[in-house]
Amino acid sequence: MLRFNDNNETIEQESYRAILAGLSINEDITYYMEELEGLAEAAGVEVLGQMIQAKDRPDSATYFGKGKVEELGELCVAMDADTVIFNNELTGVQLRNLEDRLEVRVIDRTMLILDIFAARAVSREGNLQVELAQLEYRLPRLTGFGKSLSRLGGGIGTRGPGEKKLETDRRHIRKRMDDIRAEIEEVKAHRKTQRAQRENSGLPMVALVGYTNSGKSALMNRFLQETMKDEKTVQEKDMLFATLDTAHRLIRLDSNDEFLLIDTVGFVSRLPHSLVKAFKATLEEVNFADLLLQVIDVSLPNNEFHIDVTDRVLAEIGAGDKEKMLVYNKVDLVPELDRVQYTGKDAIFLSAKTGENIETLITAIKEKIFGGRVKASLLIPYDRGEVLSAIRDKYRPQNVEYKEEGSLVEVELSADDFRRWERYLSPQSEAGSGKE
């Protein structure tokens, strides 16, 4: 775990030994606690154990009940833990009271996720979004950070803006938040221009979505390896939130069909609202996709939970009704996979690592986004060169013959473009004679 000074510069490496704490309110929180453990490990934390309390409602002062807090404190001493990580958001009062009674660092799930995002953000936009989310989260809790806030050097849960910045008055913090929002709006305007250019190109867009660390970036790299050969790959690592910045890559198929493949930030349950809000510009890319590939780690026994998490996040950002295909990745890790349980789902099983069944996925994508195309022979007059240029840019036809009357093009058109250029159908065209 990295530590930072007030200028957000790395000063030393630090590790933490943590107990995970969760409150079960009329639900099984097993998966949530497993997820919390994965998040903690992604932040470089050594997880020593966990404690769960079944309770009707959180205690307003200490989240856990008084007796359970005492038990938790004894466990921290017995296991030499220096941190307790709670599976839900804590109020400023709860944070302060828990640190006073447990005498260890206390952070909650949102602080942990924000810390991971701060460590992973690479682009200017990503760093701005993370800092804004951190400040929005911390502003109402300034009086509750207690020992964590007063420790110079930061550490887990305090990475990013820096301690002294958070100890200045609220007016200065709000001013910084306004400045960040203005910078993000500039980036957003640039992104909007880029999106308009992509839309004008007419290229279909396919977005990779799914739970964090399901293999979306690995699948994008496999696509690039299989279709583009020398195209620049994207970063992939076996860790949560390895990808925070949206990546776009052009995919060109053997049929000369092209589409844009978009790699997006991974989802996680109960994604902090501040992060959803801050990363909305990034996540908006999903809303403009023609097809979603929902990537699932089939090697994990709780992948149905991951599907549900992804569906809920997609609904939250307004993409719940988008057409999607389920892509079960990492079949190489489950050689005896029982696929009967998945019968009836529009699903494809593959391995981004080995390339198994990638061609099956490519074929399915072609059918989804290019299946409605019409074969046509177009005879384009020489004085309408802009039409030929538009067809070449969008469809890259293999056969163009130069006749006395104009350029004869054999091409497969979308239904909309067929109607747009129907006037140029040659007498020999199958489409022109009513055959499609």
Protein backbone atom coordinates (compact mmCIF):
# COMPACT_ATOMS: atom_id res chain seq x y z
CA MET A 1 0.00 0.00 0.00
CA LEU A 2 1.47 3.33 -1.05
CA ARG A 3 1.52 6.34 1.24
CA PHE A 4 1.36 9.93 0.03
CA ASN A 5 2.40 13.33 1.34
CA ASP A 6 0.32 16.50 1.05
CA ASN A 7 1.51 17.06 -2.53
CA ASN A 8 0.19 13.62 -3.45
CA GLU A 9 3.75 12.32 -3.94
CA THR A 10 4.70 8.77 -3.03
CA ILE A 11 6.79 8.69 0.13
CA GLU A 12 6.91 5.05 1.20
CA GLN A 13 5.32 1.64 0.88
CA GLU A 14 2.99 0.60 3.69
CA SER A 15 0.95 -2.53 4.27
CA TYR A 16 -2.16 -2.98 6.38
CA ARG A 17 -3.56 -5.89 8.39
CA ALA A 18 -7.32 -5.70 8.44
CA ILE A 19 -10.46 -7.26 9.89
CA LEU A 20 -13.54 -7.06 7.66
CA ALA A 21 -16.83 -6.13 9.34
CA GLY A 22 -20.31 -6.54 7.91
CA LEU A 23 -23.89 -5.99 9.07
CA SER A 24 -26.52 -8.51 7.97
CA ILE A 25 -29.97 -6.92 7.87
CA ASN A 26 -32.40 -9.62 6.75
CA GLU A 27 -30.11 -10.80 3.95
CA ASP A 28 -27.24 -13.16 3.24
CA ILE A 29 -24.15 -10.98 2.83
CA THR A 30 -21.72 -13.81 2.00
CA TYR A 31 -21.10 -12.56 -1.55
CA TYR A 32 -20.76 -8.96 -0.39
CA MET A 33 -18.13 -9.98 2.16
CA GLU A 34 -16.27 -12.01 -0.49
CA GLU A 35 -16.37 -8.96 -2.72
CA LEU A 36 -15.09 -6.76 0.13
CA GLU A 37 -12.19 -9.16 0.65
CA GLY A 38 -11.32 -8.90 -3.05
CA LEU A 39 -11.44 -5.11 -2.87
CA ALA A 40 -9.21 -5.09 0.21
CA GLU A 41 -6.65 -7.35 -1.45
CA ALA A 42 -6.74 -5.13 -4.54
CA ALA A 43 -5.75 -2.24 -2.27
CA GLY A 44 -2.80 -4.20 -0.91
CA VAL A 45 -4.42 -5.10 2.40
CA GLU A 46 -3.72 -8.36 4.23
CA VAL A 47 -7.11 -9.69 5.34
CA LEU A 48 -6.88 -11.47 8.72
CA GLY A 49 -10.51 -12.38 9.25
CA GLN A 50 -14.05 -11.05 9.37
CA MET A 51 -16.89 -10.38 11.78
CA ILE A 52 -20.59 -10.23 10.86
CA GLN A 53 -23.44 -9.06 13.07
CA ALA A 54 -27.10 -9.81 12.36
CA LYS A 55 -29.11 -6.74 13.32
CA ASP A 56 -32.41 -5.08 12.42
CA ARG A 57 -30.77 -1.72 11.78
CA PRO A 58 -27.33 -0.09 12.13
CA ASP A 59 -26.50 1.59 15.43
CA SER A 60 -26.50 5.34 14.77
CA ALA A 61 -23.41 5.89 16.91
CA THR A 62 -21.19 2.88 16.18
CA TYR A 63 -22.92 0.94 13.33
CA PHE A 64 -22.37 -2.33 15.26
CA GLY A 65 -24.01 -2.81 18.65
CA LYS A 66 -22.02 -1.91 21.77
CA GLY A 67 -21.19 -5.52 22.67
CA LYS A 68 -20.13 -6.36 19.13
CA VAL A 69 -17.85 -3.33 18.99
CA GLU A 70 -16.11 -4.56 22.15
CA GLU A 71 -15.79 -8.02 20.63
CA LEU A 72 -14.38 -6.49 17.45
CA GLY A 73 -11.82 -4.53 19.47
CA GLU A 74 -10.69 -7.72 21.25
CA LEU A 75 -10.34 -9.46 17.87
CA CYS A 76 -8.16 -6.62 16.57
CA VAL A 77 -5.84 -6.96 19.56
CA ALA A 78 -5.73 -10.76 19.32
CA MET A 79 -4.91 -10.73 15.61
CA ASP A 80 -2.67 -7.64 15.72
CA ALA A 81 -4.89 -5.83 13.21
CA ASP A 82 -4.33 -2.15 12.52
CA THR A 83 -7.41 -1.56 10.34
CA VAL A 84 -11.11 -2.46 10.28
CA ILE A 85 -12.97 -2.22 6.97
CA PHE A 86 -16.78 -2.02 7.10
CA ASN A 87 -18.92 -3.32 4.23
CA ASN A 88 -21.20 -0.28 4.12
CA GLU A 89 -20.87 3.48 4.23
CA LEU A 90 -20.32 4.96 7.67
CA THR A 91 -21.32 8.42 8.84
CA GLY A 92 -18.75 10.85 10.19
CA VAL A 93 -20.01 10.21 13.74
CA GLN A 94 -19.73 6.44 13.31
CA LEU A 95 -16.20 6.76 11.94
CA ARG A 96 -15.06 8.90 14.85
CA ASN A 97 -16.71 6.75 17.52
CA LEU A 98 -15.42 3.49 16.09
CA GLU A 99 -11.84 4.76 15.86
CA ASP A 100 -12.03 6.03 19.44
CA ARG A 101 -13.27 2.68 20.74
CA LEU A 102 -11.31 0.30 18.54
CA GLU A 103 -8.09 2.35 18.55
CA VAL A 104 -7.29 1.28 14.97
CA ARG A 105 -7.84 2.87 11.58
CA VAL A 106 -11.49 2.51 10.46
CA ILE A 107 -12.59 2.89 6.85
CA ASP A 108 -15.72 1.88 4.99
CA ARG A 109 -16.35 0.25 1.64
CA THR A 110 -16.72 3.52 -0.24
CA MET A 111 -13.41 4.86 1.10
CA LEU A 112 -11.75 1.60 0.03
CA ILE A 113 -13.12 1.77 -3.52
CA LEU A 114 -12.17 5.43 -3.84
CA ASP A 115 -8.65 4.55 -2.71
CA ILE A 116 -8.37 1.83 -5.37
CA PHE A 117 -9.64 4.19 -8.03
CA ALA A 118 -7.12 6.83 -6.95
CA ALA A 119 -4.32 4.29 -7.35
CA ARG A 120 -5.52 3.07 -10.77
CA ALA A 121 -6.49 6.36 -12.47
CA VAL A 122 -4.09 7.25 -15.28
CA SER A 123 -5.67 9.89 -17.49
CA ARG A 124 -6.31 13.51 -16.55
CA GLU A 125 -10.05 12.88 -16.69
CA GLY A 126 -9.79 9.78 -14.51
CA ASN A 127 -7.80 11.60 -11.84
CA LEU A 128 -10.21 14.53 -11.86
CA GLN A 129 -13.22 12.24 -11.52
CA VAL A 130 -11.67 10.34 -8.62
CA GLU A 131 -10.66 13.50 -6.77
CA LEU A 132 -14.14 14.96 -7.17
CA ALA A 133 -15.73 11.76 -5.85
CA GLN A 134 -13.35 11.75 -2.87
CA LEU A 135 -14.07 15.36 -1.97
CA GLU A 136 -17.84 14.89 -2.32
CA TYR A 137 -17.63 11.89 -0.02
CA ARG A 138 -15.40 13.52 2.57
CA LEU A 139 -16.93 16.99 2.75
CA PRO A 140 -19.87 16.03 5.02
CA ARG A 141 -17.56 13.79 7.09
CA LEU A 142 -14.76 16.24 7.87
CA THR A 143 -15.58 16.26 11.57
CA GLY A 144 -15.74 12.49 11.67
CA PHE A 145 -12.45 11.37 10.20
CA GLY A 146 -10.76 11.66 13.59
CA LYS A 147 -7.36 10.00 13.75
CA SER A 148 -7.36 9.09 10.04
CA LEU A 149 -7.66 12.74 9.05
CA SER A 150 -4.99 13.97 11.45
CA ARG A 151 -2.36 11.44 10.34
CA LEU A 152 0.04 13.15 7.96
CA GLY A 153 1.09 10.83 5.17
CA GLY A 154 -2.35 9.44 4.44
CA GLY A 155 -2.60 5.78 3.61
CA ILE A 156 -5.53 3.56 2.68
CA GLY A 157 -8.78 5.49 2.55
CA THR A 158 -7.01 8.88 2.41
CA ARG A 159 -5.18 8.65 -0.91
CA GLY A 160 -5.66 11.54 -3.33
CA PRO A 161 -6.45 15.07 -2.24
CA GLY A 162 -4.06 14.98 0.76
CA GLU A 163 -4.65 15.63 4.46
CA LYS A 164 -4.00 19.37 4.70
CA LYS A 165 -6.37 20.10 1.83
CA LEU A 166 -9.12 18.26 3.69
CA GLU A 167 -8.41 20.17 6.89
CA THR A 168 -8.95 23.57 5.24
CA ASP A 169 -12.38 25.11 5.61
CA ARG A 170 -15.35 23.87 3.62
CA ARG A 171 -15.40 26.96 1.43
CA HIS A 172 -11.99 26.13 -0.04
CA ILE A 173 -12.97 22.50 -0.57
CA ARG A 174 -16.15 23.53 -2.38
CA LYS A 175 -14.09 25.91 -4.53
CA ARG A 176 -11.79 23.03 -5.50
CA MET A 177 -14.82 20.90 -6.35
CA ASP A 178 -16.19 23.67 -8.59
CA ASP A 179 -12.81 23.93 -10.35
CA ILE A 180 -12.73 20.16 -10.93
CA ARG A 181 -16.27 20.17 -12.33
CA ALA A 182 -15.29 22.93 -14.76
CA GLU A 183 -12.26 20.92 -15.94
CA ILE A 184 -14.40 17.79 -16.33
CA GLU A 185 -16.89 19.77 -18.44
CA GLU A 186 -14.03 20.72 -20.78
CA VAL A 187 -13.03 17.07 -21.12
CA LYS A 188 -16.70 16.16 -21.59
CA ALA A 189 -17.02 18.63 -24.47
CA HIS A 190 -13.97 17.07 -26.12
CA ARG A 191 -15.43 13.59 -25.61
CA LYS A 192 -18.72 14.75 -27.14
CA THR A 193 -16.87 15.97 -30.23
CA GLN A 194 -15.05 12.65 -30.54
CA ARG A 195 -18.35 10.78 -30.15
CA ALA A 196 -19.96 12.88 -32.89
CA GLN A 197 -17.06 12.03 -35.20
CA ARG A 198 -17.51 8.32 -34.47
CA GLU A 199 -21.26 8.56 -35.13
CA ASN A 200 -20.64 10.37 -38.41
CA SER A 201 -18.32 7.56 -39.47
CA GLY A 202 -21.32 5.22 -39.38
CA LEU A 203 -19.31 2.53 -37.61
CA PRO A 204 -21.34 0.31 -35.25
CA MET A 205 -20.18 0.35 -31.63
CA VAL A 206 -19.85 -2.72 -29.42
CA ALA A 207 -19.17 -2.18 -25.70
CA LEU A 208 -17.60 -4.63 -23.27
CA VAL A 209 -19.32 -4.41 -19.90
CA GLY A 210 -19.28 -6.54 -16.79
CA TYR A 211 -18.07 -7.09 -13.29
CA THR A 212 -14.56 -5.93 -12.52
CA ASN A 213 -11.78 -8.42 -13.38
CA SER A 214 -14.06 -10.55 -15.56
CA GLY A 215 -11.59 -10.29 -18.46
CA LYS A 216 -12.95 -7.45 -20.60
CA SER A 217 -9.55 -5.99 -21.42
CA ALA A 218 -8.15 -9.45 -22.13
CA LEU A 219 -11.04 -10.05 -24.53
CA MET A 220 -10.39 -6.75 -26.31
CA ASN A 221 -6.73 -7.72 -26.70
CA ARG A 222 -7.74 -11.11 -28.08
CA PHE A 223 -9.96 -9.36 -30.65
CA LEU A 224 -7.05 -7.13 -31.65
CA GLN A 225 -4.72 -10.10 -31.90
CA GLU A 226 -7.14 -12.12 -34.03
CA THR A 227 -8.29 -9.36 -36.36
CA MET A 228 -5.84 -6.45 -36.42
CA LYS A 229 -2.54 -8.29 -35.77
CA ASP A 230 -0.41 -5.21 -35.08
CA GLU A 231 -2.95 -3.00 -33.30
CA LYS A 232 -1.93 -1.50 -29.95
CA THR A 233 -3.35 -3.49 -27.06
CA VAL A 234 -4.88 -2.22 -23.83
CA GLN A 235 -3.61 -2.86 -20.31
CA GLU A 236 -4.84 -6.05 -18.68
CA LYS A 237 -4.02 -7.27 -15.21
CA ASP A 238 -5.49 -9.87 -12.87
CA MET A 239 -6.76 -7.25 -10.42
CA LEU A 240 -9.93 -5.36 -9.63
CA PHE A 241 -10.38 -2.09 -11.54
CA ALA A 242 -7.32 -2.50 -13.76
CA THR A 243 -9.25 -0.43 -16.34
CA LEU A 244 -10.67 2.96 -15.34
CA ASP A 245 -10.40 4.87 -18.61
CA THR A 246 -12.57 3.93 -21.58
CA ALA A 247 -10.57 2.55 -24.51
CA HIS A 248 -11.72 2.46 -28.16
CA ARG A 249 -10.24 0.20 -30.81
CA LEU A 250 -11.21 -0.34 -34.43
CA ILE A 251 -11.95 -3.98 -35.28
CA ARG A 252 -11.81 -4.97 -38.95
CA LEU A 253 -13.16 -8.40 -39.88
CA ASP A 254 -12.20 -10.66 -42.78
CA SER A 255 -15.39 -9.56 -44.54
CA ASN A 256 -14.09 -5.95 -44.42
CA ASP A 257 -16.85 -5.10 -41.95
CA GLU A 258 -15.65 -2.76 -39.20
CA PHE A 259 -16.89 -1.80 -35.78
CA LEU A 260 -15.59 0.08 -32.75
CA LEU A 261 -14.94 -2.04 -29.67
CA ILE A 262 -15.17 -0.15 -26.37
CA ASP A 263 -13.58 -1.33 -23.12
CA THR A 264 -15.20 0.16 -20.02
CA VAL A 265 -14.59 0.38 -16.28
CA GLY A 266 -15.61 -2.76 -14.40
CA PHE A 267 -18.70 -2.74 -12.23
CA VAL A 268 -19.01 -3.68 -8.58
CA SER A 269 -22.03 -4.00 -6.28
CA ARG A 270 -23.16 -0.87 -4.46
CA LEU A 271 -20.89 1.30 -6.56
CA PRO A 272 -20.67 4.57 -4.61
CA HIS A 273 -23.08 7.15 -5.97
CA SER A 274 -20.28 9.73 -6.00
CA LEU A 275 -18.29 7.51 -8.36
CA VAL A 276 -21.26 6.76 -10.63
CA LYS A 277 -21.91 10.49 -10.81
CA ALA A 278 -18.26 11.40 -11.37
CA PHE A 279 -17.70 8.70 -13.99
CA LYS A 280 -21.01 9.30 -15.77
CA ALA A 281 -19.27 10.88 -18.78
CA THR A 282 -17.14 7.75 -19.12
CA LEU A 283 -20.01 5.34 -18.55
CA GLU A 284 -22.19 7.25 -21.05
CA GLU A 285 -20.23 5.54 -23.84
CA VAL A 286 -22.26 2.41 -23.08
CA ASN A 287 -25.49 4.23 -23.93
CA PHE A 288 -24.30 4.89 -27.49
CA ALA A 289 -23.32 1.28 -28.21
CA ASP A 290 -25.28 -0.82 -30.70
CA LEU A 291 -24.50 -4.02 -28.80
CA LEU A 292 -23.27 -4.86 -25.29
CA LEU A 293 -21.05 -7.85 -24.60
CA GLN A 294 -21.59 -8.67 -20.93
CA VAL A 295 -18.41 -10.48 -19.92
CA ILE A 296 -18.70 -12.95 -17.02
CA ASP A 297 -15.98 -14.93 -15.23
CA VAL A 298 -17.43 -18.44 -15.54
CA SER A 299 -14.79 -19.84 -13.18
CA LEU A 300 -16.36 -18.06 -10.20
CA PRO A 301 -19.20 -19.85 -8.41
CA ASN A 302 -20.98 -16.57 -7.69
CA ASN A 303 -21.10 -15.31 -11.29
CA GLU A 304 -24.91 -14.98 -11.15
CA PHE A 305 -24.34 -12.35 -8.46
CA HIS A 306 -21.95 -10.57 -10.82
CA ILE A 307 -24.55 -10.64 -13.63
CA ASP A 308 -27.12 -9.11 -11.28
CA VAL A 309 -24.64 -6.40 -10.21
CA THR A 310 -23.91 -5.52 -13.84
CA ASP A 311 -27.60 -5.42 -14.76
CA ARG A 312 -28.32 -3.04 -11.89
CA VAL A 313 -25.47 -0.68 -12.83
CA LEU A 314 -26.55 -0.71 -16.49
CA ALA A 315 -30.10 0.19 -15.43
CA GLU A 316 -28.74 3.00 -13.24
CA ILE A 317 -26.86 4.61 -16.15
CA GLY A 318 -29.82 4.21 -18.52
CA ALA A 319 -28.51 1.27 -20.58
CA GLY A 320 -30.66 -1.47 -19.07
CA ASP A 321 -32.64 -2.05 -22.28
CA LYS A 322 -29.65 -2.25 -24.63
CA GLU A 323 -29.29 -5.41 -26.70
CA LYS A 324 -26.65 -7.61 -25.12
CA MET A 325 -24.98 -10.99 -25.33
CA LEU A 326 -23.66 -12.93 -22.35
CA VAL A 327 -20.01 -13.88 -22.83
CA TYR A 328 -18.78 -16.44 -20.31
CA ASN A 329 -15.03 -15.99 -20.19
CA LYS A 330 -12.18 -18.08 -18.67
CA VAL A 331 -13.51 -21.51 -19.70
CA ASP A 332 -9.87 -22.62 -19.71
CA LEU A 333 -10.05 -22.51 -15.91
CA VAL A 334 -13.07 -24.85 -15.81
CA PRO A 335 -12.27 -27.86 -18.04
CA GLU A 336 -15.32 -29.79 -16.81
CA LEU A 337 -17.78 -26.92 -17.09
CA ASP A 338 -21.43 -28.02 -16.87
CA ARG A 339 -23.15 -25.85 -19.47
CA VAL A 340 -26.60 -27.37 -18.97
CA GLN A 341 -27.35 -24.81 -16.24
CA TYR A 342 -26.98 -22.03 -18.84
CA THR A 343 -29.43 -23.54 -21.35
CA GLY A 344 -31.81 -21.01 -22.84
CA LYS A 345 -29.51 -18.03 -22.44
CA ASP A 346 -28.09 -16.09 -25.37
CA ALA A 347 -24.58 -17.02 -24.25
CA ILE A 348 -21.18 -17.82 -25.68
CA PHE A 349 -18.43 -19.65 -23.78
CA LEU A 350 -14.85 -18.73 -24.58
CA SER A 351 -11.37 -18.06 -23.29
CA ALA A 352 -9.80 -14.68 -24.01
CA LYS A 353 -6.52 -16.16 -22.82
CA THR A 354 -6.35 -19.15 -25.22
CA GLY A 355 -8.60 -17.84 -28.01
CA GLU A 356 -11.06 -20.74 -27.70
CA ASN A 357 -14.40 -19.89 -29.38
CA ILE A 358 -13.39 -16.34 -30.32
CA GLU A 359 -14.46 -17.03 -33.90
CA THR A 360 -17.88 -18.07 -32.59
CA LEU A 361 -18.22 -14.71 -30.87
CA ILE A 362 -17.06 -12.82 -33.96
CA THR A 363 -19.67 -14.64 -36.07
CA ALA A 364 -22.40 -13.84 -33.52
CA ILE A 365 -21.42 -10.15 -33.52
CA LYS A 366 -21.52 -10.06 -37.32
CA GLU A 367 -25.03 -11.52 -37.30
CA LYS A 368 -26.19 -9.03 -34.67
CA ILE A 369 -24.83 -5.81 -36.19
CA PHE A 370 -24.37 -6.65 -39.86
CA GLY A 371 -27.07 -9.31 -40.38
CA GLY A 372 -29.58 -6.96 -42.00
CA ARG A 373 -27.34 -5.96 -44.88
CA VAL A 374 -28.40 -6.03 -48.52
CA LYS A 375 -26.15 -7.05 -51.41
CA ALA A 376 -26.25 -4.52 -54.22
CA SER A 377 -24.48 -3.46 -57.41
CA LEU A 378 -24.34 0.31 -57.65
CA LEU A 379 -23.46 2.25 -60.78
CA ILE A 380 -22.32 5.64 -59.55
CA PRO A 381 -21.87 8.47 -62.09
CA TYR A 382 -18.41 10.00 -62.16
CA ASP A 383 -19.80 13.38 -61.19
CA ARG A 384 -21.03 11.88 -57.89
CA GLY A 385 -17.60 11.03 -56.56
CA GLU A 386 -18.65 11.94 -53.00
CA VAL A 387 -21.05 8.94 -53.00
CA LEU A 388 -18.28 6.55 -54.00
CA SER A 389 -16.00 8.05 -51.35
CA ALA A 390 -18.68 7.63 -48.67
CA ILE A 391 -19.21 3.97 -49.62
CA ARG A 392 -15.48 3.29 -49.66
CA ASP A 393 -14.96 4.92 -46.26
CA LYS A 394 -17.81 3.07 -44.62
CA TYR A 395 -17.86 -0.35 -46.35
CA ARG A 396 -14.46 -0.76 -48.00
CA PRO A 397 -15.84 -2.67 -51.04
CA GLN A 398 -13.47 -5.16 -52.63
CA ASN A 399 -14.74 -4.80 -56.19
CA VAL A 400 -14.93 -1.46 -58.01
CA GLU A 401 -15.03 -1.46 -61.83
CA TYR A 402 -14.82 1.68 -63.95
CA LYS A 403 -17.42 1.57 -66.70
CA GLU A 404 -18.26 4.09 -69.38
CA GLU A 405 -21.31 5.30 -67.40
CA GLY A 406 -19.58 5.42 -64.01
CA SER A 407 -18.09 3.31 -61.20
CA LEU A 408 -19.68 -0.12 -60.67
CA VAL A 409 -19.48 -1.13 -56.99
CA GLU A 410 -20.37 -4.51 -55.47
CA VAL A 411 -21.22 -3.89 -51.83
CA GLU A 412 -23.36 -5.00 -48.88
CA LEU A 413 -25.31 -2.05 -47.50
CA SER A 414 -27.27 -1.46 -44.33
CA ALA A 415 -31.01 -1.13 -44.89
CA ASP A 416 -30.83 2.64 -44.33
CA ASP A 417 -27.94 3.13 -46.78
CA PHE A 418 -29.62 0.87 -49.33
CA ARG A 419 -32.63 3.19 -49.35
CA ARG A 420 -30.30 6.20 -49.41
CA TRP A 421 -28.43 5.05 -52.55
CA GLU A 422 -31.14 2.93 -54.19
CA ARG A 423 -31.27 5.35 -57.15
CA TYR A 424 -27.80 4.14 -58.21
CA LEU A 425 -28.75 0.46 -58.50
CA SER A 426 -27.38 -1.05 -61.68
CA PRO A 427 -29.71 -3.09 -63.92
CA GLN A 428 -27.71 -6.25 -63.01
CA SER A 429 -28.14 -5.79 -59.25
CA GLU A 430 -29.89 -8.65 -57.44
CA ALA A 431 -31.33 -6.11 -55.00
CA GLY A 432 -32.63 -4.07 -57.93
CA SER A 433 -34.55 -7.09 -59.25
CA GLY A 434 -36.19 -7.65 -55.90
CA LYS A 435 -33.71 -10.27 -54.55
CA GLU A 436 -32.01 -9.56 -51.19
